[in-house]
Amino acid sequence: YSRYGSTTHKQVYIYGGLDGGPTELVRNFGMAWGLGGWLLTAFLQKIGPGAVQQLRERVAAEIKTTFASHYDKEVSLAEALRLEEIAIYGRKATGQKYLINPNKRLAR
């Protein structure tokens, strides 16, 4: 027993920034914890070219399974510049992805 709670260290990473509001923690999990930010580009720089290549190969090998993705809409470059499209894909939200395909012809 410890009046300070669990001595098991817990680590939380914040990635992305859809919600720019304050990060609030209800501190009922003890005093052994850490909180940090995580960005993919910084991580890739840190691990070096060899490890980055290994990750690229893994993504390529698993592109239809682990790394499969679904897009709600596919737009051309020209369509991506339309105000109504920008209003949708420019929102800070989850659950909706756009694929900008430079080879797609403009929808009429």
N, C-alpha and C. Protein backbone atom coordinates (compact mmCIF):
# COMPACT_ATOMS: atom_id res chain seq x y z
N TYR A 1 0.84 -1.19 0.00
CA TYR A 1 0.00 0.00 0.00
C TYR A 1 0.88 1.25 0.00
N SER A 2 0.45 2.25 -0.75
CA SER A 2 1.12 3.55 -0.73
C SER A 2 0.05 4.63 -0.79
N ARG A 3 0.17 5.59 0.07
CA ARG A 3 -0.82 6.67 0.04
C ARG A 3 -0.73 7.49 -1.25
N TYR A 4 0.36 7.32 -1.99
CA TYR A 4 0.53 8.04 -3.25
C TYR A 4 0.04 7.25 -4.46
N GLY A 5 -0.58 6.12 -4.21
CA GLY A 5 -1.13 5.31 -5.29
C GLY A 5 -0.10 4.35 -5.86
N SER A 6 -0.42 3.82 -7.00
CA SER A 6 0.42 2.82 -7.65
C SER A 6 1.82 3.36 -7.93
N THR A 7 2.80 2.48 -7.78
CA THR A 7 4.18 2.85 -8.12
C THR A 7 4.54 2.36 -9.52
N THR A 8 3.58 1.75 -10.22
CA THR A 8 3.81 1.31 -11.59
C THR A 8 3.76 2.52 -12.51
N HIS A 9 4.86 2.76 -13.24
CA HIS A 9 4.93 3.93 -14.12
C HIS A 9 3.99 3.77 -15.31
N LYS A 10 3.25 4.82 -15.58
CA LYS A 10 2.35 4.87 -16.74
C LYS A 10 2.82 6.00 -17.64
N GLN A 11 2.87 5.77 -18.95
CA GLN A 11 3.30 6.79 -19.90
C GLN A 11 2.19 7.02 -20.91
N VAL A 12 1.85 8.27 -21.14
CA VAL A 12 0.82 8.65 -22.10
C VAL A 12 1.46 9.56 -23.14
N TYR A 13 1.14 9.30 -24.42
CA TYR A 13 1.63 10.16 -25.49
C TYR A 13 0.45 10.84 -26.17
N ILE A 14 0.58 12.11 -26.43
CA ILE A 14 -0.41 12.85 -27.19
C ILE A 14 0.13 13.00 -28.59
N TYR A 15 -0.64 12.57 -29.58
CA TYR A 15 -0.22 12.77 -30.97
C TYR A 15 -1.37 13.41 -31.72
N GLY A 16 -1.01 14.20 -32.69
CA GLY A 16 -2.03 14.95 -33.41
C GLY A 16 -2.44 16.17 -32.60
N GLY A 17 -3.29 16.96 -33.16
CA GLY A 17 -3.71 18.17 -32.46
C GLY A 17 -5.07 18.64 -32.91
N LEU A 18 -6.02 17.71 -33.03
CA LEU A 18 -7.36 18.10 -33.47
C LEU A 18 -8.04 19.00 -32.45
N ASP A 19 -7.82 18.74 -31.19
CA ASP A 19 -8.42 19.54 -30.13
C ASP A 19 -7.32 20.38 -29.49
N GLY A 20 -7.36 21.68 -29.73
CA GLY A 20 -6.33 22.57 -29.21
C GLY A 20 -6.57 23.01 -27.78
N GLY A 21 -7.61 22.47 -27.15
CA GLY A 21 -7.93 22.85 -25.78
C GLY A 21 -6.95 22.25 -24.78
N PRO A 22 -7.11 22.61 -23.53
CA PRO A 22 -6.22 22.09 -22.48
C PRO A 22 -6.33 20.57 -22.34
N THR A 23 -5.23 19.95 -21.98
CA THR A 23 -5.22 18.53 -21.66
C THR A 23 -5.44 18.39 -20.17
N GLU A 24 -6.51 17.74 -19.78
CA GLU A 24 -6.84 17.61 -18.37
C GLU A 24 -6.66 16.17 -17.91
N LEU A 25 -6.01 16.00 -16.80
CA LEU A 25 -5.79 14.68 -16.22
C LEU A 25 -6.44 14.61 -14.85
N VAL A 26 -7.27 13.61 -14.63
CA VAL A 26 -7.82 13.35 -13.30
C VAL A 26 -6.79 12.47 -12.61
N ARG A 27 -6.13 13.01 -11.61
CA ARG A 27 -4.97 12.34 -11.03
C ARG A 27 -5.36 11.32 -9.96
N ASN A 28 -6.04 10.28 -10.40
CA ASN A 28 -6.41 9.21 -9.49
C ASN A 28 -5.67 7.92 -9.84
N PHE A 29 -4.51 8.06 -10.47
CA PHE A 29 -3.76 6.89 -10.94
C PHE A 29 -2.36 6.84 -10.35
N GLY A 30 -2.15 7.50 -9.25
CA GLY A 30 -0.83 7.47 -8.61
C GLY A 30 0.06 8.59 -9.09
N MET A 31 1.29 8.56 -8.62
CA MET A 31 2.23 9.63 -8.95
C MET A 31 3.35 9.18 -9.88
N ALA A 32 3.33 7.94 -10.32
CA ALA A 32 4.37 7.43 -11.21
C ALA A 32 3.84 7.46 -12.64
N TRP A 33 4.01 8.61 -13.32
CA TRP A 33 3.46 8.74 -14.66
C TRP A 33 4.23 9.79 -15.45
N GLY A 34 4.05 9.75 -16.75
CA GLY A 34 4.64 10.74 -17.63
C GLY A 34 3.71 11.04 -18.78
N LEU A 35 3.84 12.24 -19.32
CA LEU A 35 3.01 12.69 -20.43
C LEU A 35 3.93 13.34 -21.45
N GLY A 36 3.79 12.97 -22.70
CA GLY A 36 4.64 13.55 -23.73
C GLY A 36 3.92 13.68 -25.05
N GLY A 37 4.46 14.52 -25.92
CA GLY A 37 3.93 14.68 -27.26
C GLY A 37 4.66 13.74 -28.21
N TRP A 38 4.02 13.40 -29.33
CA TRP A 38 4.63 12.49 -30.29
C TRP A 38 4.28 12.95 -31.69
N LEU A 39 5.32 13.14 -32.52
CA LEU A 39 5.14 13.50 -33.92
C LEU A 39 5.90 12.51 -34.79
N LEU A 40 5.26 12.04 -35.84
CA LEU A 40 5.87 11.04 -36.71
C LEU A 40 7.16 11.55 -37.33
N THR A 41 7.16 12.78 -37.86
CA THR A 41 8.36 13.27 -38.55
C THR A 41 9.56 13.35 -37.61
N ALA A 42 9.35 13.80 -36.40
CA ALA A 42 10.45 13.87 -35.43
C ALA A 42 10.94 12.46 -35.08
N PHE A 43 10.02 11.52 -34.94
CA PHE A 43 10.38 10.13 -34.65
C PHE A 43 11.22 9.54 -35.77
N LEU A 44 10.82 9.79 -37.02
CA LEU A 44 11.57 9.24 -38.16
C LEU A 44 12.98 9.82 -38.23
N GLN A 45 13.13 11.08 -37.91
CA GLN A 45 14.47 11.69 -37.89
C GLN A 45 15.32 11.06 -36.79
N LYS A 46 14.70 10.77 -35.68
CA LYS A 46 15.41 10.21 -34.53
C LYS A 46 15.92 8.79 -34.79
N ILE A 47 15.12 7.96 -35.48
CA ILE A 47 15.50 6.56 -35.65
C ILE A 47 16.49 6.32 -36.78
N GLY A 48 16.63 7.27 -37.67
CA GLY A 48 17.64 7.15 -38.72
C GLY A 48 17.16 6.44 -39.97
N PRO A 49 17.94 6.59 -41.07
CA PRO A 49 17.53 6.09 -42.38
C PRO A 49 17.31 4.58 -42.45
N GLY A 50 18.13 3.79 -41.77
CA GLY A 50 17.97 2.34 -41.82
C GLY A 50 16.65 1.88 -41.25
N ALA A 51 16.30 2.40 -40.09
CA ALA A 51 15.03 2.03 -39.45
C ALA A 51 13.85 2.58 -40.24
N VAL A 52 14.00 3.77 -40.82
CA VAL A 52 12.94 4.34 -41.65
C VAL A 52 12.68 3.43 -42.85
N GLN A 53 13.74 2.92 -43.46
CA GLN A 53 13.58 2.01 -44.60
C GLN A 53 12.86 0.73 -44.18
N GLN A 54 13.19 0.21 -43.01
CA GLN A 54 12.50 -0.99 -42.51
C GLN A 54 11.02 -0.72 -42.33
N LEU A 55 10.68 0.45 -41.79
CA LEU A 55 9.27 0.80 -41.61
C LEU A 55 8.57 0.93 -42.96
N ARG A 56 9.24 1.55 -43.93
CA ARG A 56 8.65 1.68 -45.27
C ARG A 56 8.36 0.30 -45.87
N GLU A 57 9.30 -0.61 -45.72
CA GLU A 57 9.12 -1.95 -46.25
C GLU A 57 7.96 -2.67 -45.57
N ARG A 58 7.83 -2.46 -44.27
CA ARG A 58 6.72 -3.09 -43.55
C ARG A 58 5.38 -2.53 -44.03
N VAL A 59 5.30 -1.22 -44.18
CA VAL A 59 4.06 -0.61 -44.67
C VAL A 59 3.74 -1.13 -46.06
N ALA A 60 4.73 -1.19 -46.94
CA ALA A 60 4.50 -1.70 -48.30
C ALA A 60 4.00 -3.14 -48.27
N ALA A 61 4.57 -3.97 -47.41
CA ALA A 61 4.18 -5.38 -47.32
C ALA A 61 2.78 -5.55 -46.74
N GLU A 62 2.35 -4.62 -45.89
CA GLU A 62 1.07 -4.76 -45.18
C GLU A 62 0.05 -3.70 -45.59
N ILE A 63 0.23 -3.12 -46.79
CA ILE A 63 -0.63 -2.01 -47.21
C ILE A 63 -2.10 -2.41 -47.36
N LYS A 64 -2.38 -3.68 -47.59
CA LYS A 64 -3.78 -4.12 -47.75
C LYS A 64 -4.33 -4.77 -46.49
N THR A 65 -3.52 -4.84 -45.44
CA THR A 65 -3.98 -5.45 -44.18
C THR A 65 -3.83 -4.43 -43.05
N THR A 66 -2.71 -4.48 -42.36
CA THR A 66 -2.49 -3.61 -41.20
C THR A 66 -2.67 -2.13 -41.54
N PHE A 67 -2.15 -1.72 -42.69
CA PHE A 67 -2.16 -0.30 -43.04
C PHE A 67 -3.20 0.04 -44.10
N ALA A 68 -4.20 -0.82 -44.25
CA ALA A 68 -5.27 -0.54 -45.21
C ALA A 68 -6.03 0.70 -44.77
N SER A 69 -6.53 1.45 -45.73
CA SER A 69 -7.24 2.67 -45.40
C SER A 69 -8.49 2.79 -46.26
N HIS A 70 -9.44 3.53 -45.77
CA HIS A 70 -10.69 3.79 -46.47
C HIS A 70 -10.84 5.31 -46.58
N TYR A 71 -11.23 5.77 -47.74
CA TYR A 71 -11.43 7.20 -47.95
C TYR A 71 -12.90 7.47 -48.20
N ASP A 72 -13.41 8.53 -47.58
CA ASP A 72 -14.80 8.90 -47.78
C ASP A 72 -15.02 9.53 -49.14
N LYS A 73 -13.96 10.18 -49.65
CA LYS A 73 -14.11 10.84 -50.94
C LYS A 73 -12.75 10.96 -51.60
N GLU A 74 -12.73 10.79 -52.92
CA GLU A 74 -11.52 11.00 -53.71
C GLU A 74 -11.77 12.22 -54.60
N VAL A 75 -10.86 13.19 -54.53
CA VAL A 75 -11.02 14.41 -55.31
C VAL A 75 -9.76 14.68 -56.13
N SER A 76 -9.93 15.41 -57.23
CA SER A 76 -8.80 15.83 -58.04
C SER A 76 -8.16 17.06 -57.37
N LEU A 77 -7.01 17.48 -57.88
CA LEU A 77 -6.38 18.69 -57.34
C LEU A 77 -7.30 19.90 -57.51
N ALA A 78 -7.93 20.01 -58.67
CA ALA A 78 -8.83 21.14 -58.91
C ALA A 78 -10.03 21.09 -57.97
N GLU A 79 -10.59 19.91 -57.77
CA GLU A 79 -11.74 19.78 -56.86
C GLU A 79 -11.34 20.12 -55.42
N ALA A 80 -10.11 19.79 -55.06
CA ALA A 80 -9.64 20.06 -53.70
C ALA A 80 -9.57 21.56 -53.41
N LEU A 81 -9.56 22.38 -54.45
CA LEU A 81 -9.50 23.84 -54.27
C LEU A 81 -10.88 24.49 -54.20
N ARG A 82 -11.92 23.72 -54.37
CA ARG A 82 -13.28 24.26 -54.27
C ARG A 82 -13.60 24.55 -52.81
N LEU A 83 -14.23 25.69 -52.59
CA LEU A 83 -14.54 26.10 -51.21
C LEU A 83 -15.37 25.08 -50.46
N GLU A 84 -16.34 24.45 -51.13
CA GLU A 84 -17.18 23.48 -50.44
C GLU A 84 -16.39 22.24 -50.02
N GLU A 85 -15.39 21.87 -50.80
CA GLU A 85 -14.54 20.74 -50.42
C GLU A 85 -13.59 21.13 -49.29
N ILE A 86 -13.00 22.31 -49.38
CA ILE A 86 -12.10 22.79 -48.33
C ILE A 86 -12.83 22.86 -46.99
N ALA A 87 -14.09 23.29 -47.02
CA ALA A 87 -14.87 23.38 -45.79
C ALA A 87 -15.03 22.02 -45.12
N ILE A 88 -15.05 20.96 -45.92
CA ILE A 88 -15.21 19.61 -45.36
C ILE A 88 -13.87 19.05 -44.91
N TYR A 89 -12.88 18.98 -45.81
CA TYR A 89 -11.61 18.34 -45.43
C TYR A 89 -10.74 19.22 -44.55
N GLY A 90 -11.06 20.50 -44.45
CA GLY A 90 -10.29 21.40 -43.61
C GLY A 90 -10.69 21.40 -42.15
N ARG A 91 -11.79 20.72 -41.83
CA ARG A 91 -12.23 20.65 -40.42
C ARG A 91 -11.26 19.82 -39.61
N LYS A 92 -11.11 20.19 -38.38
CA LYS A 92 -10.32 19.36 -37.46
C LYS A 92 -11.28 18.34 -36.87
N ALA A 93 -11.32 17.18 -37.50
CA ALA A 93 -12.27 16.14 -37.08
C ALA A 93 -11.68 14.78 -37.37
N THR A 94 -12.26 13.78 -36.75
CA THR A 94 -11.84 12.40 -37.01
C THR A 94 -12.96 11.68 -37.76
N GLY A 95 -12.62 10.54 -38.33
CA GLY A 95 -13.62 9.69 -38.93
C GLY A 95 -13.94 10.00 -40.37
N GLN A 96 -13.23 10.94 -40.99
CA GLN A 96 -13.51 11.25 -42.39
C GLN A 96 -12.18 11.58 -43.07
N LYS A 97 -11.88 10.84 -44.15
CA LYS A 97 -10.62 11.07 -44.86
C LYS A 97 -10.89 11.37 -46.32
N TYR A 98 -10.13 12.30 -46.84
CA TYR A 98 -10.15 12.63 -48.25
C TYR A 98 -8.86 12.14 -48.89
N LEU A 99 -8.96 11.64 -50.11
CA LEU A 99 -7.79 11.30 -50.90
C LEU A 99 -7.71 12.30 -52.04
N ILE A 100 -6.63 13.06 -52.08
CA ILE A 100 -6.41 13.99 -53.18
C ILE A 100 -5.56 13.25 -54.21
N ASN A 101 -6.18 12.97 -55.35
CA ASN A 101 -5.56 12.19 -56.42
C ASN A 101 -5.21 13.12 -57.58
N PRO A 102 -3.93 13.44 -57.77
CA PRO A 102 -3.55 14.37 -58.84
C PRO A 102 -3.84 13.82 -60.25
N ASN A 103 -4.05 12.52 -60.38
CA ASN A 103 -4.34 11.91 -61.68
C ASN A 103 -5.83 11.82 -61.99
N LYS A 104 -6.66 12.18 -61.02
CA LYS A 104 -8.11 12.09 -61.22
C LYS A 104 -8.57 13.25 -62.09
N ARG A 105 -9.45 12.93 -63.01
CA ARG A 105 -10.00 13.99 -63.86
C ARG A 105 -11.08 14.73 -63.10
N LEU A 106 -11.26 15.97 -63.44
CA LEU A 106 -12.25 16.83 -62.80
C LEU A 106 -13.65 16.30 -63.05
N ALA A 107 -14.43 16.16 -61.97
CA ALA A 107 -15.83 15.73 -62.09
C ALA A 107 -16.64 16.88 -62.67
N ARG A 108 -17.58 16.55 -63.50
CA ARG A 108 -18.40 17.61 -64.12
C ARG A 108 -19.76 17.66 -63.50
